[in-house]
Protein backbone atom coordinates (compact mmCIF):
# COMPACT_ATOMS: atom_id res chain seq x y z
CA MET A 1 121.02 311.21 53.12
CA ARG A 2 120.78 308.30 50.64
CA ASP A 3 118.21 305.57 50.55
CA TYR A 4 119.22 302.00 49.53
CA TYR A 5 116.73 299.29 48.61
CA VAL A 6 117.66 295.72 49.49
CA ASP A 7 115.70 292.50 49.17
CA HIS A 8 117.47 290.20 51.63
CA LEU A 9 119.91 290.08 54.46
CA GLY A 10 122.80 287.87 53.27
CA ASN A 11 125.49 287.36 55.91
CA MET A 12 126.05 288.96 59.27
CA THR A 13 129.52 288.75 60.83
CA VAL A 14 130.91 290.15 64.14
CA GLN A 15 134.58 290.75 64.47
CA GLY A 16 135.96 292.58 67.50
CA SER A 17 133.61 295.39 68.31
CA ALA A 18 132.18 295.78 64.78
CA ALA A 19 129.24 294.03 63.03
CA ARG A 20 128.99 293.68 59.25
CA LEU A 21 125.67 293.17 57.61
CA GLU A 22 125.73 292.16 53.95
CA PHE A 23 122.52 292.87 52.03
CA MET A 24 121.43 291.29 48.79
CA ARG A 25 119.45 292.41 45.81
CA MET A 26 117.23 290.10 43.73
CA ASN A 27 118.24 290.10 40.07
CA SER A 28 115.69 287.60 38.77
CA PHE A 29 113.19 285.08 39.85
CA ASP A 30 112.47 281.70 38.31
CA PRO A 31 108.81 280.96 38.94
CA GLU A 32 109.10 277.28 37.87
CA LYS A 33 111.91 276.53 40.36
CA LYS A 34 110.64 279.12 42.84
CA GLU A 35 114.16 280.44 43.24
CA ALA A 36 115.47 283.93 43.25
CA LYS A 37 118.95 284.98 41.99
CA LEU A 38 120.57 287.33 44.46
CA SER A 39 123.65 289.41 44.28
CA PRO A 40 125.48 291.51 46.89
CA SER A 41 124.16 295.02 47.02
CA LEU A 42 125.38 296.76 50.19
CA SER A 43 127.63 296.12 53.10
CA LEU A 44 126.89 297.89 56.37
CA VAL A 45 129.41 298.10 59.23
CA MET A 46 128.42 299.36 62.66
CA PRO A 47 129.35 299.04 66.22
CA ILE A 48 127.86 296.07 68.15
CA ALA A 49 125.93 298.45 70.38
CA SER A 50 124.18 299.85 67.21
CA LEU A 51 123.41 296.34 66.11
CA LEU A 52 121.79 295.67 69.48
CA GLN A 53 119.69 298.82 69.07
CA LEU A 54 118.60 297.72 65.60
CA SER A 55 117.68 294.28 66.97
CA ALA A 56 115.63 295.74 69.84
CA ALA A 57 113.77 298.00 67.46
CA ALA A 58 113.01 295.07 65.09
CA ILE A 59 111.67 293.02 68.01
CA CYS A 60 109.44 295.92 69.09
CA PHE A 61 108.20 296.30 65.52
CA ARG A 62 107.37 292.60 65.23
CA VAL A 63 105.50 292.62 68.56
CA TRP A 64 103.63 295.75 67.49
CA THR A 65 102.68 294.37 64.03
CA SER A 66 101.60 290.93 65.45
CA SER A 67 99.22 292.58 67.97
CA THR A 68 97.27 294.62 65.32
């Protein structure tokens, strides 16, 4: 299994029964403008059911972290 590091979720599209998540990587940061330069890093395609599972897990994680 490979690990991929990403900094940001770019676009998310749903077409038919598949969802595509496009992740971005930060190339540089301008502290004066407070802007990051991002470039595409990884595109992940999954069934919508898997996206719903991911979303439910993220909600549970957010609830858990906000209660501690």
